[in-house]
Structures are given as structure tokens and as C-alpha cells.
Amino acid sequence: MTAKLKKLSPADDITIYNMLQEIPENENGFMNGSNGLSYDDYKQWLIKNNDISNGIGLEDWMVAQNIYWLYIDGEPVGVGKLRLKLTDKLRQDGGNCGYGIVASKRGKGYGKVLLKLLVAEAQDLGIAPLLLTINIQNEASVKTALANGGIIEKTVDEKHHIWIQ
């Protein structure tokens, strides 16, 4: 298996669009703002999110974040987000990192691979430690975070606050 992380680009094509349509708009707290968009709107979404990663067009509540695609053997199978800093609100709900794997590819360890690559990317960007807030009923993501060195700091409002050094 060959795993690769690729940062969002305005040039991303229909293969990424199709993958994103398989990830719900809101699943276990992971927000996929491209689900349900037309292809033309998706292309605009890419431009907007590329700007956000560069700190352009941020609303008051936003921080810069990078979006990445997980490729397994050349096929996109997941999406991850890294927020470059935390606000007080993000310390309570959201954290630095979120990720999702398309339903048809779950149960193969790809979430663990994606999170491992996101942790390495965060370290390269000087983001450490990394905070994930995970719904307590999302057992697969909790196990994934713990398998990547995560430590549960606390549980508040049905969410585990897990730190990865």
C-alpha cells in the first residue's frame, strides 16, 4: 500500500469532487462543506479554501486551515484538515485536526494512516501538540487517535479532548 497526503489545490479535479460527495456534510462533527455542491460550485469552494489556508478572507471566528487529501495507491479515499492555531472556541469544540474517510473505504486502517500523516504534517508546520475533539460515540475515531499516540485529557459535552504530541 502506498499512502500519500496532498494539499488542496484550486486545480483539484473531478476525482476529488467525487470523493467528497461520498463524505456526508456533517458526520460525527466532521464538516464537509463541499458535499452536495455542483461541480462549478466545488471549483469555487477549492479557491475559497485555498485562500483560507493562506489567511485570506477569514471571518472573525475563523483561523487559517489547510485541507489535505489522502491517496491510497493513487486513489483519493479521505480528507483531513489542520487548523494552524487554536482559539478558545476551538479548544472547546473543533481542535486542530479533523478527518474523514469515504464510507466504502472504511475499516481498512486508512483513518489511522491519514491521522499519522496529518500529525507529521502538523509537526512540520510547528503545530504541537495537536488537539482533536471527538464525539464519544465515534469509537473508531477515538481508537484511531489513541493508536496515533493520543491521550484523552477530558470529556466535555459528549466529546473527548484528545491531545497528540
N, C-alpha and C. Protein backbone atom coordinates (compact mmCIF):
# COMPACT_ATOMS: atom_id res chain seq x y z
N MET A 1 0.84 -1.19 0.00
CA MET A 1 0.00 0.00 0.00
C MET A 1 0.88 1.24 0.00
N THR A 2 0.59 2.17 -0.89
CA THR A 2 1.29 3.45 -0.94
C THR A 2 0.32 4.54 -0.50
N ALA A 3 0.67 5.26 0.56
CA ALA A 3 -0.16 6.33 1.08
C ALA A 3 0.53 7.66 0.85
N LYS A 4 -0.25 8.66 0.43
CA LYS A 4 0.29 9.98 0.14
C LYS A 4 -0.71 11.03 0.58
N LEU A 5 -0.20 12.11 1.17
CA LEU A 5 -1.02 13.25 1.55
C LEU A 5 -0.76 14.37 0.55
N LYS A 6 -1.83 14.97 0.02
CA LYS A 6 -1.69 16.05 -0.95
C LYS A 6 -2.54 17.23 -0.49
N LYS A 7 -1.95 18.40 -0.46
CA LYS A 7 -2.66 19.60 -0.03
C LYS A 7 -3.66 20.05 -1.10
N LEU A 8 -4.80 20.54 -0.66
CA LEU A 8 -5.82 21.08 -1.56
C LEU A 8 -5.20 22.07 -2.53
N SER A 9 -5.67 22.03 -3.76
CA SER A 9 -5.24 22.97 -4.80
C SER A 9 -6.47 23.38 -5.60
N PRO A 10 -6.52 24.64 -6.06
CA PRO A 10 -7.64 25.04 -6.93
C PRO A 10 -7.72 24.21 -8.20
N ALA A 11 -6.65 23.49 -8.55
CA ALA A 11 -6.64 22.66 -9.76
C ALA A 11 -7.18 21.25 -9.51
N ASP A 12 -7.57 20.93 -8.26
CA ASP A 12 -8.08 19.59 -7.99
C ASP A 12 -9.29 19.30 -8.88
N ASP A 13 -9.38 18.04 -9.30
CA ASP A 13 -10.33 17.69 -10.36
C ASP A 13 -11.53 16.87 -9.88
N ILE A 14 -12.18 16.25 -10.83
CA ILE A 14 -13.42 15.51 -10.59
C ILE A 14 -13.22 14.33 -9.65
N THR A 15 -12.01 13.76 -9.60
CA THR A 15 -11.80 12.62 -8.70
C THR A 15 -11.94 13.05 -7.24
N ILE A 16 -11.43 14.22 -6.91
CA ILE A 16 -11.59 14.75 -5.55
C ILE A 16 -13.05 15.12 -5.32
N TYR A 17 -13.66 15.76 -6.28
CA TYR A 17 -15.09 16.12 -6.18
C TYR A 17 -15.92 14.88 -5.89
N ASN A 18 -15.71 13.83 -6.65
CA ASN A 18 -16.49 12.60 -6.46
C ASN A 18 -16.26 12.00 -5.08
N MET A 19 -15.01 12.01 -4.61
CA MET A 19 -14.72 11.50 -3.28
C MET A 19 -15.47 12.31 -2.22
N LEU A 20 -15.43 13.62 -2.34
CA LEU A 20 -16.07 14.48 -1.35
C LEU A 20 -17.58 14.30 -1.32
N GLN A 21 -18.16 13.90 -2.43
CA GLN A 21 -19.61 13.67 -2.44
C GLN A 21 -19.98 12.41 -1.65
N GLU A 22 -19.01 11.54 -1.39
CA GLU A 22 -19.24 10.33 -0.61
C GLU A 22 -19.09 10.55 0.89
N ILE A 23 -18.61 11.71 1.29
CA ILE A 23 -18.44 12.03 2.71
C ILE A 23 -19.56 13.00 3.09
N PRO A 24 -20.39 12.62 4.08
CA PRO A 24 -21.53 13.47 4.44
C PRO A 24 -21.13 14.89 4.81
N GLU A 25 -22.10 15.79 4.72
CA GLU A 25 -21.88 17.20 5.05
C GLU A 25 -21.47 17.37 6.51
N ASN A 26 -22.07 16.59 7.39
CA ASN A 26 -21.75 16.64 8.82
C ASN A 26 -21.88 15.23 9.36
N GLU A 27 -20.73 14.62 9.63
CA GLU A 27 -20.75 13.28 10.18
C GLU A 27 -19.85 13.24 11.40
N ASN A 28 -20.43 12.96 12.54
CA ASN A 28 -19.68 12.89 13.79
C ASN A 28 -18.89 14.17 14.07
N GLY A 29 -19.42 15.31 13.63
CA GLY A 29 -18.76 16.59 13.87
C GLY A 29 -17.78 17.01 12.79
N PHE A 30 -17.46 16.11 11.83
CA PHE A 30 -16.59 16.50 10.73
C PHE A 30 -17.43 17.17 9.66
N MET A 31 -17.08 18.41 9.35
CA MET A 31 -17.86 19.20 8.39
C MET A 31 -17.22 19.13 7.01
N ASN A 32 -18.04 18.74 6.03
CA ASN A 32 -17.61 18.67 4.63
C ASN A 32 -18.45 19.68 3.85
N GLY A 33 -17.94 20.88 3.72
CA GLY A 33 -18.67 21.96 3.08
C GLY A 33 -18.85 21.81 1.58
N SER A 34 -18.25 20.80 0.98
CA SER A 34 -18.37 20.60 -0.46
C SER A 34 -19.41 19.57 -0.83
N ASN A 35 -19.92 18.83 0.16
CA ASN A 35 -20.93 17.81 -0.12
C ASN A 35 -22.19 18.46 -0.66
N GLY A 36 -22.66 17.96 -1.79
CA GLY A 36 -23.89 18.46 -2.39
C GLY A 36 -23.70 19.65 -3.33
N LEU A 37 -22.48 20.15 -3.45
CA LEU A 37 -22.24 21.27 -4.36
C LEU A 37 -22.22 20.77 -5.80
N SER A 38 -22.59 21.65 -6.72
CA SER A 38 -22.37 21.36 -8.13
C SER A 38 -20.87 21.38 -8.39
N TYR A 39 -20.44 20.83 -9.52
CA TYR A 39 -19.01 20.82 -9.83
C TYR A 39 -18.47 22.24 -9.94
N ASP A 40 -19.23 23.16 -10.55
CA ASP A 40 -18.78 24.55 -10.66
C ASP A 40 -18.64 25.19 -9.28
N ASP A 41 -19.60 24.92 -8.40
CA ASP A 41 -19.53 25.47 -7.04
C ASP A 41 -18.36 24.85 -6.26
N TYR A 42 -18.10 23.58 -6.50
CA TYR A 42 -16.95 22.91 -5.89
C TYR A 42 -15.65 23.61 -6.29
N LYS A 43 -15.51 23.98 -7.56
CA LYS A 43 -14.29 24.66 -8.01
C LYS A 43 -14.13 26.00 -7.26
N GLN A 44 -15.23 26.70 -7.01
CA GLN A 44 -15.18 27.94 -6.23
C GLN A 44 -14.82 27.64 -4.77
N TRP A 45 -15.36 26.54 -4.25
CA TRP A 45 -15.06 26.09 -2.89
C TRP A 45 -13.57 25.84 -2.74
N LEU A 46 -12.94 25.23 -3.75
CA LEU A 46 -11.50 24.99 -3.72
C LEU A 46 -10.73 26.31 -3.63
N ILE A 47 -11.12 27.29 -4.44
CA ILE A 47 -10.45 28.59 -4.44
C ILE A 47 -10.58 29.25 -3.07
N LYS A 48 -11.81 29.23 -2.52
CA LYS A 48 -12.05 29.84 -1.21
C LYS A 48 -11.21 29.16 -0.14
N ASN A 49 -11.15 27.83 -0.14
CA ASN A 49 -10.38 27.12 0.89
C ASN A 49 -8.89 27.26 0.69
N ASN A 50 -8.44 27.42 -0.54
CA ASN A 50 -7.03 27.73 -0.77
C ASN A 50 -6.70 29.10 -0.19
N ASP A 51 -7.59 30.07 -0.37
CA ASP A 51 -7.40 31.39 0.23
C ASP A 51 -7.34 31.30 1.76
N ILE A 52 -8.27 30.53 2.34
CA ILE A 52 -8.31 30.37 3.80
C ILE A 52 -6.99 29.80 4.31
N SER A 53 -6.42 28.86 3.57
CA SER A 53 -5.14 28.27 4.02
C SER A 53 -4.03 29.32 4.03
N ASN A 54 -4.19 30.37 3.25
CA ASN A 54 -3.22 31.46 3.20
C ASN A 54 -3.63 32.65 4.05
N GLY A 55 -4.69 32.47 4.88
CA GLY A 55 -5.14 33.54 5.77
C GLY A 55 -5.91 34.64 5.08
N ILE A 56 -6.40 34.37 3.87
CA ILE A 56 -7.14 35.36 3.08
C ILE A 56 -8.64 35.10 3.22
N GLY A 57 -9.39 36.16 3.48
CA GLY A 57 -10.84 36.05 3.54
C GLY A 57 -11.37 35.38 4.80
N LEU A 58 -10.60 35.42 5.86
CA LEU A 58 -11.05 34.81 7.11
C LEU A 58 -12.11 35.68 7.77
N GLU A 59 -13.17 35.03 8.21
CA GLU A 59 -14.17 35.73 9.02
C GLU A 59 -13.64 35.79 10.45
N ASP A 60 -14.29 36.62 11.30
CA ASP A 60 -13.79 36.85 12.66
C ASP A 60 -13.56 35.57 13.45
N TRP A 61 -14.41 34.58 13.25
CA TRP A 61 -14.34 33.35 14.05
C TRP A 61 -13.39 32.31 13.46
N MET A 62 -12.85 32.58 12.28
CA MET A 62 -12.05 31.59 11.57
C MET A 62 -10.55 31.73 11.86
N VAL A 63 -9.84 30.62 11.64
CA VAL A 63 -8.39 30.61 11.62
C VAL A 63 -7.95 29.95 10.32
N ALA A 64 -6.73 30.20 9.93
CA ALA A 64 -6.21 29.55 8.71
C ALA A 64 -6.19 28.04 8.92
N GLN A 65 -6.59 27.32 7.89
CA GLN A 65 -6.53 25.86 7.95
C GLN A 65 -6.17 25.32 6.58
N ASN A 66 -5.44 24.22 6.61
CA ASN A 66 -5.08 23.52 5.39
C ASN A 66 -5.96 22.28 5.27
N ILE A 67 -6.33 21.97 4.04
CA ILE A 67 -7.09 20.76 3.75
C ILE A 67 -6.20 19.85 2.90
N TYR A 68 -6.24 18.57 3.22
CA TYR A 68 -5.41 17.58 2.54
C TYR A 68 -6.26 16.41 2.08
N TRP A 69 -5.81 15.77 1.02
CA TRP A 69 -6.44 14.56 0.50
C TRP A 69 -5.52 13.38 0.81
N LEU A 70 -6.10 12.29 1.25
CA LEU A 70 -5.34 11.06 1.42
C LEU A 70 -5.53 10.21 0.18
N TYR A 71 -4.41 9.87 -0.44
CA TYR A 71 -4.41 8.96 -1.59
C TYR A 71 -3.84 7.63 -1.13
N ILE A 72 -4.53 6.56 -1.45
CA ILE A 72 -4.03 5.22 -1.23
C ILE A 72 -3.89 4.57 -2.61
N ASP A 73 -2.68 4.17 -2.94
CA ASP A 73 -2.40 3.56 -4.25
C ASP A 73 -2.97 4.40 -5.40
N GLY A 74 -2.81 5.73 -5.28
CA GLY A 74 -3.21 6.64 -6.35
C GLY A 74 -4.67 7.05 -6.36
N GLU A 75 -5.46 6.54 -5.42
CA GLU A 75 -6.90 6.84 -5.38
C GLU A 75 -7.22 7.69 -4.14
N PRO A 76 -7.95 8.82 -4.30
CA PRO A 76 -8.31 9.61 -3.13
C PRO A 76 -9.37 8.89 -2.31
N VAL A 77 -9.09 8.74 -1.00
CA VAL A 77 -10.01 8.00 -0.14
C VAL A 77 -10.39 8.76 1.12
N GLY A 78 -9.77 9.92 1.36
CA GLY A 78 -10.08 10.64 2.58
C GLY A 78 -9.66 12.09 2.53
N VAL A 79 -10.14 12.83 3.51
CA VAL A 79 -9.85 14.26 3.62
C VAL A 79 -9.48 14.56 5.07
N GLY A 80 -8.50 15.44 5.24
CA GLY A 80 -8.10 15.88 6.57
C GLY A 80 -7.94 17.38 6.60
N LYS A 81 -8.14 17.94 7.78
CA LYS A 81 -7.99 19.38 7.97
C LYS A 81 -7.04 19.63 9.12
N LEU A 82 -6.21 20.63 8.94
CA LEU A 82 -5.32 21.09 10.01
C LEU A 82 -5.53 22.59 10.21
N ARG A 83 -5.99 22.95 11.39
CA ARG A 83 -6.07 24.37 11.74
C ARG A 83 -4.71 24.78 12.28
N LEU A 84 -4.24 25.92 11.81
CA LEU A 84 -2.87 26.33 12.11
C LEU A 84 -2.70 26.92 13.49
N LYS A 85 -3.81 27.27 14.15
CA LYS A 85 -3.77 27.72 15.54
C LYS A 85 -5.14 27.46 16.16
N LEU A 86 -5.21 27.60 17.47
CA LEU A 86 -6.46 27.37 18.19
C LEU A 86 -6.96 28.67 18.81
N THR A 87 -8.27 28.86 18.75
CA THR A 87 -8.94 29.91 19.51
C THR A 87 -9.53 29.26 20.75
N ASP A 88 -10.05 30.07 21.67
CA ASP A 88 -10.70 29.50 22.85
C ASP A 88 -11.85 28.60 22.45
N LYS A 89 -12.63 29.01 21.45
CA LYS A 89 -13.75 28.19 20.99
C LYS A 89 -13.28 26.86 20.41
N LEU A 90 -12.22 26.89 19.62
CA LEU A 90 -11.70 25.65 19.02
C LEU A 90 -11.08 24.73 20.07
N ARG A 91 -10.61 25.30 21.18
CA ARG A 91 -10.12 24.46 22.27
C ARG A 91 -11.27 23.68 22.91
N GLN A 92 -12.47 24.23 22.84
CA GLN A 92 -13.64 23.57 23.40
C GLN A 92 -14.31 22.62 22.40
N ASP A 93 -14.34 23.02 21.14
CA ASP A 93 -15.05 22.23 20.13
C ASP A 93 -14.39 22.44 18.77
N GLY A 94 -13.74 21.42 18.28
CA GLY A 94 -13.13 21.51 16.96
C GLY A 94 -11.68 21.07 16.95
N GLY A 95 -10.88 21.65 17.82
CA GLY A 95 -9.47 21.29 17.87
C GLY A 95 -8.70 21.74 16.64
N ASN A 96 -7.50 21.18 16.48
CA ASN A 96 -6.63 21.49 15.35
C ASN A 96 -6.91 20.61 14.15
N CYS A 97 -7.48 19.45 14.37
CA CYS A 97 -7.45 18.44 13.32
C CYS A 97 -8.79 17.71 13.22
N GLY A 98 -9.17 17.42 11.98
CA GLY A 98 -10.34 16.60 11.71
C GLY A 98 -10.09 15.81 10.44
N TYR A 99 -10.80 14.71 10.29
CA TYR A 99 -10.57 13.88 9.11
C TYR A 99 -11.78 12.99 8.85
N GLY A 100 -11.88 12.55 7.61
CA GLY A 100 -12.94 11.63 7.22
C GLY A 100 -12.47 10.73 6.09
N ILE A 101 -12.97 9.51 6.10
CA ILE A 101 -12.69 8.52 5.06
C ILE A 101 -14.01 8.18 4.39
N VAL A 102 -13.98 8.02 3.07
CA VAL A 102 -15.22 7.65 2.37
C VAL A 102 -15.72 6.33 2.92
N ALA A 103 -17.04 6.21 3.02
CA ALA A 103 -17.66 5.04 3.65
C ALA A 103 -17.21 3.73 3.01
N SER A 104 -17.06 3.72 1.71
CA SER A 104 -16.70 2.48 1.01
C SER A 104 -15.28 2.02 1.31
N LYS A 105 -14.47 2.87 1.94
CA LYS A 105 -13.06 2.53 2.22
C LYS A 105 -12.78 2.42 3.72
N ARG A 106 -13.82 2.47 4.54
CA ARG A 106 -13.61 2.38 5.99
C ARG A 106 -13.32 0.95 6.40
N GLY A 107 -12.72 0.83 7.57
CA GLY A 107 -12.41 -0.48 8.11
C GLY A 107 -11.13 -1.08 7.56
N LYS A 108 -10.35 -0.30 6.85
CA LYS A 108 -9.11 -0.78 6.24
C LYS A 108 -7.87 -0.14 6.87
N GLY A 109 -8.08 0.65 7.92
CA GLY A 109 -6.95 1.31 8.58
C GLY A 109 -6.56 2.63 7.96
N TYR A 110 -7.33 3.12 6.99
CA TYR A 110 -6.96 4.36 6.30
C TYR A 110 -7.08 5.59 7.21
N GLY A 111 -8.02 5.58 8.15
CA GLY A 111 -8.12 6.69 9.09
C GLY A 111 -6.86 6.82 9.92
N LYS A 112 -6.33 5.68 10.37
CA LYS A 112 -5.09 5.67 11.15
C LYS A 112 -3.93 6.21 10.33
N VAL A 113 -3.87 5.80 9.06
CA VAL A 113 -2.82 6.29 8.15
C VAL A 113 -2.96 7.79 7.94
N LEU A 114 -4.19 8.24 7.69
CA LEU A 114 -4.44 9.66 7.45
C LEU A 114 -4.04 10.48 8.67
N LEU A 115 -4.46 10.06 9.86
CA LEU A 115 -4.12 10.83 11.04
C LEU A 115 -2.61 10.84 11.27
N LYS A 116 -1.94 9.73 11.04
CA LYS A 116 -0.48 9.68 11.19
C LYS A 116 0.19 10.70 10.27
N LEU A 117 -0.27 10.78 9.02
CA LEU A 117 0.30 11.74 8.07
C LEU A 117 -0.04 13.17 8.47
N LEU A 118 -1.24 13.40 9.00
CA LEU A 118 -1.61 14.75 9.45
C LEU A 118 -0.78 15.17 10.66
N VAL A 119 -0.50 14.24 11.57
CA VAL A 119 0.35 14.55 12.72
C VAL A 119 1.74 14.94 12.24
N ALA A 120 2.29 14.21 11.29
CA ALA A 120 3.61 14.54 10.75
C ALA A 120 3.59 15.91 10.08
N GLU A 121 2.54 16.18 9.32
CA GLU A 121 2.41 17.49 8.66
C GLU A 121 2.31 18.61 9.69
N ALA A 122 1.54 18.38 10.75
CA ALA A 122 1.41 19.38 11.82
C ALA A 122 2.77 19.67 12.45
N GLN A 123 3.54 18.63 12.70
CA GLN A 123 4.87 18.82 13.27
C GLN A 123 5.75 19.64 12.33
N ASP A 124 5.66 19.36 11.03
CA ASP A 124 6.43 20.13 10.05
C ASP A 124 6.03 21.60 10.05
N LEU A 125 4.76 21.87 10.36
CA LEU A 125 4.25 23.25 10.39
C LEU A 125 4.44 23.91 11.76
N GLY A 126 5.02 23.17 12.71
CA GLY A 126 5.24 23.72 14.04
C GLY A 126 4.01 23.68 14.93
N ILE A 127 3.05 22.84 14.60
CA ILE A 127 1.84 22.71 15.40
C ILE A 127 2.00 21.49 16.31
N ALA A 128 2.24 21.75 17.58
CA ALA A 128 2.35 20.66 18.54
C ALA A 128 2.11 21.25 19.93
N PRO A 129 1.40 20.58 20.77
CA PRO A 129 0.66 19.36 20.49
C PRO A 129 -0.57 19.65 19.63
N LEU A 130 -1.19 18.58 19.18
CA LEU A 130 -2.35 18.64 18.29
C LEU A 130 -3.59 18.22 19.08
N LEU A 131 -4.65 19.02 19.01
CA LEU A 131 -5.89 18.72 19.73
C LEU A 131 -6.95 18.21 18.77
N LEU A 132 -7.56 17.09 19.14
CA LEU A 132 -8.74 16.57 18.43
C LEU A 132 -9.88 16.54 19.44
N THR A 133 -11.06 17.00 19.03
CA THR A 133 -12.25 16.82 19.85
C THR A 133 -13.12 15.83 19.09
N ILE A 134 -13.38 14.69 19.73
CA ILE A 134 -14.06 13.58 19.05
C ILE A 134 -15.29 13.18 19.85
N ASN A 135 -16.42 13.08 19.15
CA ASN A 135 -17.65 12.63 19.79
C ASN A 135 -17.40 11.27 20.45
N ILE A 136 -17.87 11.11 21.69
CA ILE A 136 -17.57 9.88 22.42
C ILE A 136 -18.16 8.64 21.75
N GLN A 137 -19.26 8.80 21.01
CA GLN A 137 -19.85 7.64 20.34
C GLN A 137 -19.11 7.25 19.06
N ASN A 138 -18.16 8.08 18.63
CA ASN A 138 -17.38 7.78 17.44
C ASN A 138 -16.16 6.94 17.85
N GLU A 139 -16.45 5.69 18.20
CA GLU A 139 -15.43 4.81 18.75
C GLU A 139 -14.26 4.59 17.79
N ALA A 140 -14.55 4.52 16.49
CA ALA A 140 -13.47 4.28 15.52
C ALA A 140 -12.47 5.43 15.54
N SER A 141 -12.95 6.67 15.58
CA SER A 141 -12.03 7.81 15.59
C SER A 141 -11.29 7.92 16.92
N VAL A 142 -11.95 7.58 18.01
CA VAL A 142 -11.27 7.60 19.30
C VAL A 142 -10.13 6.59 19.28
N LYS A 143 -10.39 5.37 18.80
CA LYS A 143 -9.34 4.35 18.71
C LYS A 143 -8.21 4.80 17.78
N THR A 144 -8.57 5.46 16.69
CA THR A 144 -7.57 5.95 15.74
C THR A 144 -6.66 6.98 16.40
N ALA A 145 -7.25 7.92 17.14
CA ALA A 145 -6.46 8.95 17.81
C ALA A 145 -5.55 8.33 18.86
N LEU A 146 -6.07 7.40 19.64
CA LEU A 146 -5.26 6.75 20.67
C LEU A 146 -4.12 5.94 20.05
N ALA A 147 -4.40 5.28 18.92
CA ALA A 147 -3.38 4.49 18.22
C ALA A 147 -2.27 5.38 17.66
N ASN A 148 -2.55 6.67 17.47
CA ASN A 148 -1.55 7.62 16.97
C ASN A 148 -0.91 8.41 18.11
N GLY A 149 -0.98 7.86 19.32
CA GLY A 149 -0.32 8.49 20.46
C GLY A 149 -1.17 9.48 21.22
N GLY A 150 -2.46 9.53 20.93
CA GLY A 150 -3.34 10.46 21.61
C GLY A 150 -3.58 10.09 23.06
N ILE A 151 -3.80 11.12 23.87
CA ILE A 151 -4.12 10.95 25.28
C ILE A 151 -5.38 11.76 25.56
N ILE A 152 -6.38 11.09 26.13
CA ILE A 152 -7.62 11.79 26.47
C ILE A 152 -7.37 12.67 27.69
N GLU A 153 -7.53 13.98 27.49
CA GLU A 153 -7.33 14.94 28.58
C GLU A 153 -8.60 15.03 29.42
N LYS A 154 -9.75 15.11 28.74
CA LYS A 154 -11.02 15.27 29.44
C LYS A 154 -12.15 14.93 28.47
N THR A 155 -13.33 14.79 29.03
CA THR A 155 -14.54 14.58 28.24
C THR A 155 -15.55 15.63 28.68
N VAL A 156 -16.00 16.45 27.72
CA VAL A 156 -16.94 17.52 27.99
C VAL A 156 -18.00 17.52 26.90
N ASP A 157 -19.26 17.64 27.30
CA ASP A 157 -20.36 17.74 26.33
C ASP A 157 -20.30 16.63 25.28
N GLU A 158 -20.11 15.39 25.76
CA GLU A 158 -20.11 14.22 24.88
C GLU A 158 -18.94 14.19 23.89
N LYS A 159 -17.88 14.96 24.19
CA LYS A 159 -16.69 14.97 23.32
C LYS A 159 -15.45 14.69 24.15
N HIS A 160 -14.61 13.78 23.63
CA HIS A 160 -13.28 13.58 24.21
C HIS A 160 -12.36 14.66 23.66
N HIS A 161 -11.54 15.21 24.52
CA HIS A 161 -10.48 16.14 24.11
C HIS A 161 -9.19 15.33 24.16
N ILE A 162 -8.66 15.03 22.96
CA ILE A 162 -7.50 14.16 22.85
C ILE A 162 -6.34 14.95 22.28
N TRP A 163 -5.22 14.89 22.99
CA TRP A 163 -4.00 15.57 22.57
C TRP A 163 -3.01 14.56 22.01
N ILE A 164 -2.36 14.92 20.92
CA ILE A 164 -1.29 14.12 20.33
C ILE A 164 -0.04 14.99 20.31
N GLN A 165 1.03 14.50 20.93
CA GLN A 165 2.29 15.26 21.00
C GLN A 165 3.00 15.22 19.66
